Amino acid sequence: MKTLRQEDKIIENVRKVHMIGIGGSGMCPLAEILHSKGYILTGSDNNESDPLKRVKKLGVKVSMGHCAENVHGCELVVYSAAISKDNPELVEAQRLGIPTMERSLLLGALTRKYDNVIGVSGTHGKTTVTSMITQILYLNKMDPSAVIGGKLPIINSNGIAGNSDILVCEACEFVNTFLQMSPDITVLLNVDNDHLDFFKTMENLVASFSKFIGMSKLAFVNGDDELVLKATKGISAEIVKFGFSDNNKYSAKNIVPKKYGFSFTAVKEGNEIIEIDLAVPGRHNVLNALAAFAVCDYLGVPAEGIKDALECFHGAGRRFEFLGEMGGFVLADDYAHHPTEINATLSAAKALSYKRVVAVFQPFTFSRTALLLNEFIEALSIADEVVLTPIMGSREVNTFGVSSEQIAEKLPNCIILNTFEEICDYICKTAGEGDLVITMGGGDIYKAAHLIEQKLKK
């Protein structure tokens, strides 16, 4: 029996919910789940988007722009972390005494409404593995609900509201958001030095992951990652290990590079189960697929069903997402914003048969760039050419004295361009036949990719 929290009692006692920023990628799947459970929803947003269109198709009344009147008549106001405290709808809700709830608290409350909650955690790969598990369960008629950090093409959304007792969730460690959840099964893919502006030390980060997987009954963990194994120490959850080495319950053997990705044999307790041909590049995706295989095998999905679903998985949105071939070169976009992710993405790109790999990278947050400056330089050096933008500070002020110039001066074939329009013009002029151009970063660099796409289509 899951322990109820204050927000659960609120959710139980209301039916009319207003969502500020309802078109956000994190809010849309929660809106779908609430709608499926009979809640009467309204919402507001400043921007049209694909998730917003999806919400509107459900019949939800959405107001464009934020104004105080939008919350009148509702019993609960939910808001995303991006909403400022002086938002007129939040201010009005507080004036009227209407309860308010941040998105992560709502997600936590929803996890206590399902009997089989799968929380996918780790510094890297969360979106991909959450997407893989969702696709496997969806195609094998297990009717899951899901909350994903990127768009899964097969459902054309960041989430889905199913009718089973299974909820698959991407579990983000930043500011300990995932500790609001109540998972039954957890996955821990890796632990790396990220978000240290919040955690301060690696010990604190490991302790947070340990607390998260310790909240579940069963934890699938990367048995080849020392910090992951450290996080498993002293927890009561049953531990199932996956990885490349033989000492894991699930392992990957016979790994062979193919045209679009690697093929491998899934092995369970030393027995070869099935061969899988992936359509997503990179050795790291073998490990991601193995994690998804292990979870879905435990849930009773036949090996053939897992194989078929993984072989038609072409990635989540902004995870080595191929946007097409244009002007003789191939354009792709990726969320990689940490050196480990950049290394994995560029290594995967270099393993393919392109003449040159051009990385267009937007550094994201001053603290991360300053802390990992040398690691960024090393990872980006894998590319044949690098185009940098200025650092996107996001929530931070640059008290670190760090700049993109400090990266550029250590890379032999690198330039800095200040605007997406400049990047678009440069790439369209310089990228040639047989090149791969890949935009990377955790901010809004994808806009540069779309500008290139639009210009070349014209």
Protein backbone atom coordinates (compact mmCIF):
# COMPACT_ATOMS: atom_id res chain seq x y z
CA MET A 1 0.00 0.00 0.00
CA LYS A 2 1.49 3.35 -1.06
CA THR A 3 1.69 6.06 1.56
CA LEU A 4 -0.57 8.98 0.69
CA ARG A 5 0.69 12.56 0.81
CA GLN A 6 -1.04 15.93 1.14
CA GLU A 7 -1.26 16.41 -2.64
CA ASP A 8 -3.01 13.02 -2.98
CA LYS A 9 -5.80 14.19 -0.70
CA ILE A 10 -6.22 17.34 -2.79
CA ILE A 11 -6.40 15.29 -6.02
CA GLU A 12 -9.02 13.02 -4.46
CA ASN A 13 -11.25 15.92 -3.44
CA VAL A 14 -11.30 18.00 -6.64
CA ARG A 15 -12.69 17.50 -10.14
CA LYS A 16 -12.10 20.86 -11.89
CA VAL A 17 -8.41 21.43 -12.62
CA HIS A 18 -6.79 24.37 -14.40
CA MET A 19 -3.28 23.83 -15.83
CA ILE A 20 -1.00 26.82 -16.46
CA GLY A 21 1.35 26.02 -19.36
CA ILE A 22 -0.80 23.06 -20.39
CA GLY A 23 0.94 22.83 -23.78
CA GLY A 24 4.35 22.14 -22.24
CA SER A 25 5.95 18.78 -23.02
CA GLY A 26 5.83 17.83 -19.33
CA MET A 27 2.27 19.04 -18.74
CA CYS A 28 0.53 17.56 -21.78
CA PRO A 29 0.81 13.86 -20.76
CA LEU A 30 -0.42 14.69 -17.26
CA ALA A 31 -3.40 16.49 -18.79
CA GLU A 32 -4.17 13.39 -20.86
CA ILE A 33 -4.02 11.13 -17.80
CA LEU A 34 -6.23 13.47 -15.73
CA HIS A 35 -8.72 13.69 -18.60
CA SER A 36 -8.83 9.87 -18.87
CA LYS A 37 -9.64 9.68 -15.17
CA GLY A 38 -12.65 11.96 -15.51
CA TYR A 39 -11.26 15.30 -14.34
CA ILE A 40 -12.71 18.45 -15.96
CA LEU A 41 -9.76 20.39 -17.33
CA THR A 42 -9.06 23.91 -18.49
CA GLY A 43 -5.68 25.30 -19.40
CA SER A 44 -3.68 28.27 -20.63
CA ASP A 45 -0.52 28.76 -22.63
CA ASN A 46 1.36 31.46 -24.51
CA ASN A 47 2.44 29.39 -27.49
CA GLU A 48 0.83 27.06 -29.99
CA SER A 49 2.55 23.67 -30.09
CA ASP A 50 1.94 20.05 -31.08
CA PRO A 51 1.25 19.01 -27.45
CA LEU A 52 -1.26 21.89 -27.14
CA LYS A 53 -3.07 20.72 -30.29
CA ARG A 54 -3.26 17.24 -28.80
CA VAL A 55 -4.80 18.58 -25.57
CA LYS A 56 -7.34 20.63 -27.53
CA LYS A 57 -8.39 17.50 -29.46
CA LEU A 58 -9.47 16.00 -26.13
CA GLY A 59 -12.01 18.83 -25.85
CA VAL A 60 -10.10 20.73 -23.18
CA LYS A 61 -10.84 24.46 -23.16
CA VAL A 62 -7.53 26.28 -23.60
CA SER A 63 -7.00 30.05 -23.29
CA MET A 64 -4.11 31.63 -25.17
CA GLY A 65 -2.32 33.95 -22.79
CA HIS A 66 -2.50 34.14 -19.02
CA CYS A 67 -5.12 36.18 -17.19
CA ALA A 68 -6.68 36.03 -13.72
CA GLU A 69 -10.17 35.10 -14.97
CA ASN A 70 -8.90 31.78 -16.34
CA VAL A 71 -8.79 30.22 -12.85
CA HIS A 72 -12.32 31.25 -11.85
CA GLY A 73 -14.47 28.22 -11.11
CA CYS A 74 -11.64 25.72 -10.81
CA GLU A 75 -10.78 23.73 -7.66
CA LEU A 76 -7.05 23.20 -8.26
CA VAL A 77 -4.38 25.05 -10.25
CA VAL A 78 -1.40 23.07 -11.56
CA TYR A 79 1.64 24.89 -12.93
CA SER A 80 4.95 23.93 -14.50
CA ALA A 81 8.31 24.86 -12.97
CA ALA A 82 8.79 27.41 -15.79
CA ILE A 83 5.86 29.53 -14.53
CA SER A 84 6.94 32.61 -12.55
CA LYS A 85 5.53 33.33 -9.10
CA ASP A 86 3.96 36.59 -10.30
CA ASN A 87 1.95 34.85 -13.03
CA PRO A 88 -1.53 36.48 -12.89
CA GLU A 89 -3.30 33.10 -12.73
CA LEU A 90 -1.16 31.88 -9.83
CA VAL A 91 -1.62 35.19 -8.02
CA GLU A 92 -5.40 35.04 -8.51
CA ALA A 93 -5.58 31.42 -7.33
CA GLN A 94 -3.76 32.36 -4.14
CA ARG A 95 -6.04 35.38 -3.64
CA LEU A 96 -9.12 33.15 -3.97
CA GLY A 97 -7.70 30.41 -1.77
CA ILE A 98 -7.62 27.84 -4.61
CA PRO A 99 -5.01 25.12 -3.95
CA THR A 100 -1.97 25.24 -6.26
CA MET A 101 0.39 22.40 -7.14
CA GLU A 102 3.66 22.25 -9.07
CA ARG A 103 3.81 19.69 -11.89
CA SER A 104 6.21 17.28 -10.13
CA LEU A 105 3.83 17.00 -7.16
CA LEU A 106 0.95 16.17 -9.50
CA LEU A 107 3.07 13.50 -11.22
CA GLY A 108 3.92 12.08 -7.81
CA ALA A 109 0.24 11.95 -6.87
CA LEU A 110 -0.61 10.19 -10.14
CA THR A 111 2.03 7.52 -9.49
CA ARG A 112 0.04 6.55 -6.41
CA LYS A 113 -3.02 5.83 -8.59
CA TYR A 114 -1.25 2.98 -10.47
CA ASP A 115 -0.18 -0.44 -9.20
CA ASN A 116 2.79 -0.85 -11.55
CA VAL A 117 4.78 2.37 -11.80
CA ILE A 118 8.10 2.12 -13.65
CA GLY A 119 10.47 5.02 -12.91
CA VAL A 120 13.43 5.33 -15.30
CA SER A 121 16.34 7.26 -13.79
CA GLY A 122 19.99 8.02 -14.55
CA THR A 123 22.10 10.94 -15.70
CA HIS A 124 21.90 9.87 -19.36
CA GLY A 125 19.44 7.86 -21.45
CA LYS A 126 16.24 8.34 -19.42
CA THR A 127 14.13 9.59 -22.32
CA THR A 128 15.34 6.87 -24.68
CA VAL A 129 14.73 4.00 -22.25
CA THR A 130 11.35 5.38 -21.12
CA SER A 131 10.41 5.60 -24.81
CA MET A 132 11.67 2.09 -25.56
CA ILE A 133 9.73 0.55 -22.66
CA THR A 134 6.59 2.47 -23.63
CA GLN A 135 6.87 1.38 -27.27
CA ILE A 136 7.37 -2.28 -26.31
CA LEU A 137 4.36 -2.28 -23.96
CA TYR A 138 2.21 -0.27 -26.38
CA LEU A 139 2.88 -2.53 -29.38
CA ASN A 140 2.37 -5.65 -27.27
CA LYS A 141 -1.15 -4.52 -26.30
CA MET A 142 -0.36 -3.92 -22.62
CA ASP A 143 -2.06 -0.50 -22.79
CA PRO A 144 0.37 1.52 -20.63
CA SER A 145 0.17 5.14 -19.55
CA ALA A 146 3.42 7.05 -19.97
CA VAL A 147 5.12 10.37 -19.19
CA ILE A 148 8.19 10.89 -21.39
CA GLY A 149 10.71 13.73 -21.66
CA GLY A 150 10.68 13.67 -25.46
CA LYS A 151 8.21 12.92 -28.24
CA LEU A 152 7.76 9.23 -29.06
CA PRO A 153 6.95 9.11 -32.80
CA ILE A 154 4.76 6.01 -32.64
CA ILE A 155 2.25 7.85 -30.41
CA ASN A 156 3.22 11.33 -31.71
CA SER A 157 3.33 12.65 -28.15
CA ASN A 158 5.32 12.93 -24.92
CA GLY A 159 2.90 10.60 -23.20
CA ILE A 160 -0.19 8.50 -23.37
CA ALA A 161 -3.14 7.63 -21.14
CA GLY A 162 -3.79 3.87 -21.23
CA ASN A 163 -6.30 1.74 -19.33
CA SER A 164 -3.94 -0.70 -17.60
CA ASP A 165 -2.34 -0.40 -14.16
CA ILE A 166 1.08 0.33 -15.75
CA LEU A 167 2.56 3.84 -15.73
CA VAL A 168 6.00 4.38 -17.29
CA CYS A 169 7.68 7.62 -16.12
CA GLU A 170 10.90 9.39 -16.87
CA ALA A 171 12.29 10.15 -13.40
CA CYS A 172 14.44 13.31 -13.31
CA GLU A 173 16.93 13.80 -10.47
CA PHE A 174 17.27 17.59 -10.82
CA VAL A 175 16.32 19.28 -7.51
CA ASN A 176 15.26 15.77 -6.35
CA THR A 177 12.07 15.93 -8.42
CA PHE A 178 11.91 12.13 -8.68
CA LEU A 179 11.56 11.77 -4.91
CA GLN A 180 7.96 12.98 -5.27
CA MET A 181 7.15 9.71 -7.07
CA SER A 182 6.13 6.35 -5.63
CA PRO A 183 7.65 3.81 -8.05
CA ASP A 184 7.11 0.04 -7.89
CA ILE A 185 9.93 -0.73 -10.34
CA THR A 186 12.94 1.54 -10.86
CA VAL A 187 15.68 1.64 -13.47
CA LEU A 188 19.09 3.24 -12.83
CA LEU A 189 21.06 3.59 -16.05
CA ASN A 190 24.17 5.48 -14.88
CA VAL A 191 25.42 8.14 -12.47
CA ASP A 192 27.56 10.98 -13.84
CA ASN A 193 28.70 14.42 -12.67
CA ASP A 194 25.71 16.57 -13.60
CA HIS A 195 23.51 19.05 -11.70
CA LEU A 196 26.29 19.63 -9.18
CA ASP A 197 25.07 23.23 -8.90
CA PHE A 198 22.26 21.64 -6.86
CA PHE A 199 23.83 18.46 -5.43
CA LYS A 200 27.24 20.09 -4.68
CA THR A 201 29.05 16.71 -4.36
CA MET A 202 29.01 13.36 -6.12
CA GLU A 203 28.24 11.75 -2.76
CA ASN A 204 25.02 13.74 -2.51
CA LEU A 205 24.10 12.79 -6.08
CA VAL A 206 24.70 9.07 -5.45
CA ALA A 207 22.71 9.29 -2.20
CA SER A 208 19.77 10.82 -4.07
CA PHE A 209 19.72 8.02 -6.67
CA SER A 210 20.04 5.51 -3.83
CA LYS A 211 17.01 6.98 -2.10
CA PHE A 212 15.03 6.86 -5.34
CA ILE A 213 15.68 3.23 -6.24
CA GLY A 214 15.23 2.33 -2.56
CA MET A 215 11.62 3.53 -2.79
CA SER A 216 10.75 0.62 -5.11
CA LYS A 217 10.31 -3.12 -4.67
CA LEU A 218 12.51 -4.00 -7.64
CA ALA A 219 15.41 -2.08 -9.21
CA PHE A 220 17.01 -2.78 -12.59
CA VAL A 221 20.52 -1.30 -12.47
CA ASN A 222 23.59 -0.99 -14.68
CA GLY A 223 25.93 -3.57 -13.16
CA ASP A 224 28.95 -2.13 -15.01
CA ASP A 225 28.71 1.35 -13.45
CA GLU A 226 30.62 1.70 -10.15
CA LEU A 227 28.58 4.67 -8.91
CA VAL A 228 25.33 2.84 -9.72
CA LEU A 229 26.51 -0.14 -7.67
CA LYS A 230 27.45 2.26 -4.86
CA ALA A 231 23.87 3.59 -4.95
CA THR A 232 22.50 0.07 -4.45
CA LYS A 233 24.33 -0.43 -1.17
CA GLY A 234 22.04 -0.85 1.84
CA ILE A 235 18.70 -0.60 0.02
CA SER A 236 15.92 -3.13 0.55
CA ALA A 237 14.73 -3.33 -3.08
CA GLU A 238 15.50 -6.49 -5.04
CA ILE A 239 18.39 -5.69 -7.43
CA VAL A 240 18.56 -7.01 -11.01
CA LYS A 241 21.71 -6.11 -12.95
CA PHE A 242 22.09 -5.54 -16.69
CA GLY A 243 25.20 -4.62 -18.67
CA PHE A 244 27.90 -5.77 -21.06
CA SER A 245 29.83 -7.96 -18.61
CA ASP A 246 29.01 -11.59 -17.81
CA ASN A 247 28.32 -10.98 -14.11
CA ASN A 248 24.97 -9.33 -14.93
CA LYS A 249 21.65 -11.19 -15.06
CA TYR A 250 20.96 -9.59 -18.45
CA SER A 251 23.85 -8.97 -20.84
CA ALA A 252 24.47 -8.15 -24.50
CA LYS A 253 26.71 -10.36 -26.65
CA ASN A 254 27.68 -10.61 -30.34
CA ILE A 255 27.53 -6.82 -30.75
CA VAL A 256 27.96 -5.98 -34.44
CA PRO A 257 27.73 -2.54 -36.16
CA LYS A 258 25.11 -2.39 -38.94
CA LYS A 259 23.91 0.39 -41.26
CA TYR A 260 21.63 2.20 -38.76
CA GLY A 261 22.75 0.81 -35.42
CA PHE A 262 24.15 -2.25 -33.70
CA SER A 263 22.77 -5.76 -33.63
CA PHE A 264 23.22 -7.78 -30.43
CA THR A 265 22.10 -10.94 -28.71
CA ALA A 266 20.12 -10.48 -25.49
CA VAL A 267 21.41 -12.93 -22.89
CA LYS A 268 19.62 -13.86 -19.65
CA GLU A 269 21.49 -15.76 -16.92
CA GLY A 270 24.00 -17.00 -19.49
CA ASN A 271 21.38 -18.20 -21.97
CA GLU A 272 21.13 -16.52 -25.38
CA ILE A 273 17.50 -15.39 -25.80
CA ILE A 274 17.16 -13.48 -29.07
CA GLU A 275 19.06 -11.32 -31.57
CA ILE A 276 17.94 -7.71 -31.97
CA ASP A 277 18.82 -5.32 -34.84
CA LEU A 278 18.60 -1.73 -33.60
CA ALA A 279 17.69 1.19 -35.86
CA VAL A 280 19.29 3.78 -33.55
CA PRO A 281 23.08 4.38 -33.69
CA GLY A 282 25.59 4.08 -30.88
CA ARG A 283 26.84 1.35 -28.56
CA HIS A 284 25.15 3.20 -25.67
CA ASN A 285 21.80 2.35 -27.26
CA VAL A 286 22.61 -1.36 -26.96
CA LEU A 287 22.72 -0.81 -23.20
CA ASN A 288 19.52 1.25 -23.32
CA ALA A 289 17.76 -1.48 -25.29
CA LEU A 290 19.05 -4.13 -22.87
CA ALA A 291 17.59 -2.19 -19.92
CA ALA A 292 14.22 -1.99 -21.70
CA PHE A 293 14.44 -5.70 -22.58
CA ALA A 294 15.05 -6.63 -18.92
CA VAL A 295 12.09 -4.62 -17.61
CA CYS A 296 9.68 -5.86 -20.26
CA ASP A 297 10.84 -9.46 -19.89
CA TYR A 298 10.02 -9.19 -16.18
CA LEU A 299 6.57 -7.79 -17.08
CA GLY A 300 5.90 -10.88 -19.19
CA VAL A 301 6.33 -9.55 -22.72
CA PRO A 302 7.51 -12.38 -25.03
CA ALA A 303 11.06 -12.00 -26.39
CA GLU A 304 9.77 -11.86 -29.99
CA GLY A 305 7.43 -9.02 -29.02
CA ILE A 306 10.28 -7.08 -27.42
CA LYS A 307 12.49 -7.66 -30.47
CA ASP A 308 9.84 -6.48 -32.94
CA ALA A 309 9.13 -3.31 -30.94
CA LEU A 310 12.83 -2.42 -30.49
CA GLU A 311 13.64 -3.04 -34.15
CA CYS A 312 11.07 -0.47 -35.26
CA PHE A 313 12.20 2.07 -32.63
CA HIS A 314 13.80 5.02 -34.40
CA GLY A 315 14.49 7.17 -31.36
CA ALA A 316 12.67 9.73 -29.27
CA GLY A 317 12.42 13.37 -30.30
CA ARG A 318 15.81 15.17 -30.05
CA ARG A 319 17.66 11.88 -29.42
CA PHE A 320 19.81 11.53 -32.54
CA GLU A 321 16.71 12.53 -34.46
CA PHE A 322 17.30 12.48 -38.21
CA LEU A 323 15.52 15.45 -39.78
CA GLY A 324 16.29 14.46 -43.37
CA GLU A 325 18.74 14.78 -46.22
CA MET A 326 18.89 18.16 -47.89
CA GLY A 327 21.40 20.04 -49.99
CA GLY A 328 23.46 16.85 -50.18
CA PHE A 329 24.03 16.54 -46.42
CA VAL A 330 22.10 14.83 -43.63
CA LEU A 331 20.70 16.95 -40.78
CA ALA A 332 20.10 15.59 -37.28
CA ASP A 333 19.29 17.00 -33.84
CA ASP A 334 20.21 15.71 -30.38
CA TYR A 335 19.59 16.73 -26.76
CA ALA A 336 23.21 15.99 -25.75
CA HIS A 337 24.27 18.70 -23.28
CA HIS A 338 26.78 16.87 -21.06
CA PRO A 339 30.26 15.76 -22.25
CA THR A 340 29.41 12.07 -21.76
CA GLU A 341 26.33 12.47 -23.98
CA ILE A 342 28.22 14.51 -26.58
CA ASN A 343 30.94 11.85 -26.67
CA ALA A 344 28.35 9.09 -27.16
CA THR A 345 26.46 10.99 -29.87
CA LEU A 346 29.54 12.05 -31.85
CA SER A 347 31.18 8.63 -31.50
CA ALA A 348 27.98 7.06 -32.85
CA ALA A 349 27.96 9.58 -35.70
CA LYS A 350 31.62 8.93 -36.60
CA ALA A 351 30.92 5.18 -36.69
CA LEU A 352 28.47 5.79 -39.55
CA SER A 353 29.62 6.26 -43.14
CA TYR A 354 29.66 10.08 -43.39
CA LYS A 355 32.45 12.06 -45.01
CA ARG A 356 32.46 14.68 -42.24
CA VAL A 357 30.59 15.15 -38.95
CA VAL A 358 29.81 18.81 -38.17
CA ALA A 359 28.68 19.49 -34.59
CA VAL A 360 26.62 22.62 -33.91
CA PHE A 361 26.68 22.92 -30.12
CA GLN A 362 24.94 25.29 -27.72
CA PRO A 363 26.55 25.11 -24.23
CA PHE A 364 23.78 24.99 -21.62
CA THR A 365 24.23 26.66 -18.18
CA PHE A 366 27.33 28.50 -17.02
CA SER A 367 27.95 26.22 -14.01
CA ARG A 368 28.04 23.02 -16.10
CA THR A 369 30.25 24.63 -18.77
CA ALA A 370 32.71 25.96 -16.18
CA LEU A 371 32.87 22.71 -14.19
CA LEU A 372 33.32 20.45 -17.23
CA LEU A 373 35.17 22.78 -19.60
CA ASN A 374 38.01 20.37 -20.44
CA GLU A 375 35.57 17.48 -20.83
CA PHE A 376 33.49 19.51 -23.30
CA ILE A 377 36.62 20.30 -25.34
CA GLU A 378 37.64 16.63 -25.41
CA ALA A 379 34.16 15.40 -26.41
CA LEU A 380 33.66 18.04 -29.13
CA SER A 381 37.09 17.25 -30.61
CA ILE A 382 35.56 14.01 -31.99
CA ALA A 383 33.73 16.09 -34.64
CA ASP A 384 35.47 17.17 -37.84
CA GLU A 385 34.15 20.71 -37.40
CA VAL A 386 32.45 22.49 -34.50
CA VAL A 387 30.12 25.49 -34.61
CA LEU A 388 29.46 27.00 -31.17
CA THR A 389 26.84 29.45 -29.92
CA PRO A 390 27.27 31.64 -26.86
CA ILE A 391 26.42 29.83 -23.61
CA MET A 392 22.70 29.67 -22.83
CA GLY A 393 22.53 30.58 -19.16
CA SER A 394 18.94 29.42 -18.54
CA ARG A 395 18.25 30.03 -14.86
CA GLU A 396 21.82 31.16 -14.07
CA VAL A 397 23.89 34.35 -13.96
CA ASN A 398 27.46 34.05 -15.28
CA THR A 399 29.42 34.43 -12.05
CA PHE A 400 31.96 31.88 -13.36
CA GLY A 401 33.68 34.02 -16.01
CA VAL A 402 33.18 31.23 -18.53
CA SER A 403 32.55 31.66 -22.27
CA SER A 404 32.30 29.68 -25.49
CA GLU A 405 35.58 31.29 -26.56
CA GLN A 406 37.37 29.15 -23.94
CA ILE A 407 36.14 26.05 -25.76
CA ALA A 408 36.75 27.36 -29.27
CA GLU A 409 40.37 28.33 -28.68
CA LYS A 410 41.25 24.69 -27.85
CA LEU A 411 39.53 23.18 -30.90
CA PRO A 412 41.36 23.28 -34.26
CA ASN A 413 38.35 23.66 -36.56
CA CYS A 414 35.82 25.71 -34.60
CA ILE A 415 33.91 28.97 -35.00
CA ILE A 416 31.42 30.85 -32.81
CA LEU A 417 28.25 32.27 -34.34
CA ASN A 418 25.91 34.44 -32.28
CA THR A 419 22.51 33.80 -33.86
CA PHE A 420 20.60 30.86 -35.28
CA GLU A 421 20.18 32.79 -38.55
CA GLU A 422 23.99 33.06 -38.87
CA ILE A 423 24.31 29.34 -38.15
CA CYS A 424 21.68 28.54 -40.77
CA ASP A 425 23.43 30.62 -43.44
CA TYR A 426 26.86 29.17 -42.57
CA ILE A 427 25.73 25.54 -42.65
CA CYS A 428 23.80 25.98 -45.90
CA LYS A 429 26.93 27.46 -47.52
CA THR A 430 29.58 25.07 -46.12
CA ALA A 431 28.00 21.65 -45.53
CA GLY A 432 28.62 19.36 -48.48
CA GLU A 433 27.71 16.06 -50.06
CA GLY A 434 28.11 13.19 -47.61
CA ASP A 435 28.31 15.37 -44.47
CA LEU A 436 26.30 14.88 -41.29
CA VAL A 437 25.36 18.11 -39.50
CA ILE A 438 24.08 17.54 -35.97
CA THR A 439 22.75 20.27 -33.67
CA MET A 440 23.25 19.50 -29.98
CA GLY A 441 22.31 21.04 -26.64
CA GLY A 442 19.76 21.16 -23.84
CA GLY A 443 18.46 24.63 -24.73
CA ASP A 444 16.76 25.83 -27.92
CA ILE A 445 19.44 24.93 -30.50
CA TYR A 446 16.84 22.75 -32.24
CA LYS A 447 15.48 26.04 -33.64
CA ALA A 448 18.67 26.38 -35.69
CA ALA A 449 18.09 22.90 -37.12
CA HIS A 450 14.55 23.82 -38.11
CA LEU A 451 15.75 27.06 -39.75
CA ILE A 452 18.24 25.05 -41.84
CA GLU A 453 15.50 22.57 -42.70
CA GLN A 454 13.09 25.31 -43.78
CA LYS A 455 15.66 27.20 -45.83
CA LEU A 456 16.78 24.15 -47.78
CA LYS A 457 13.23 22.95 -48.40
CA LYS A 458 12.50 26.30 -50.06
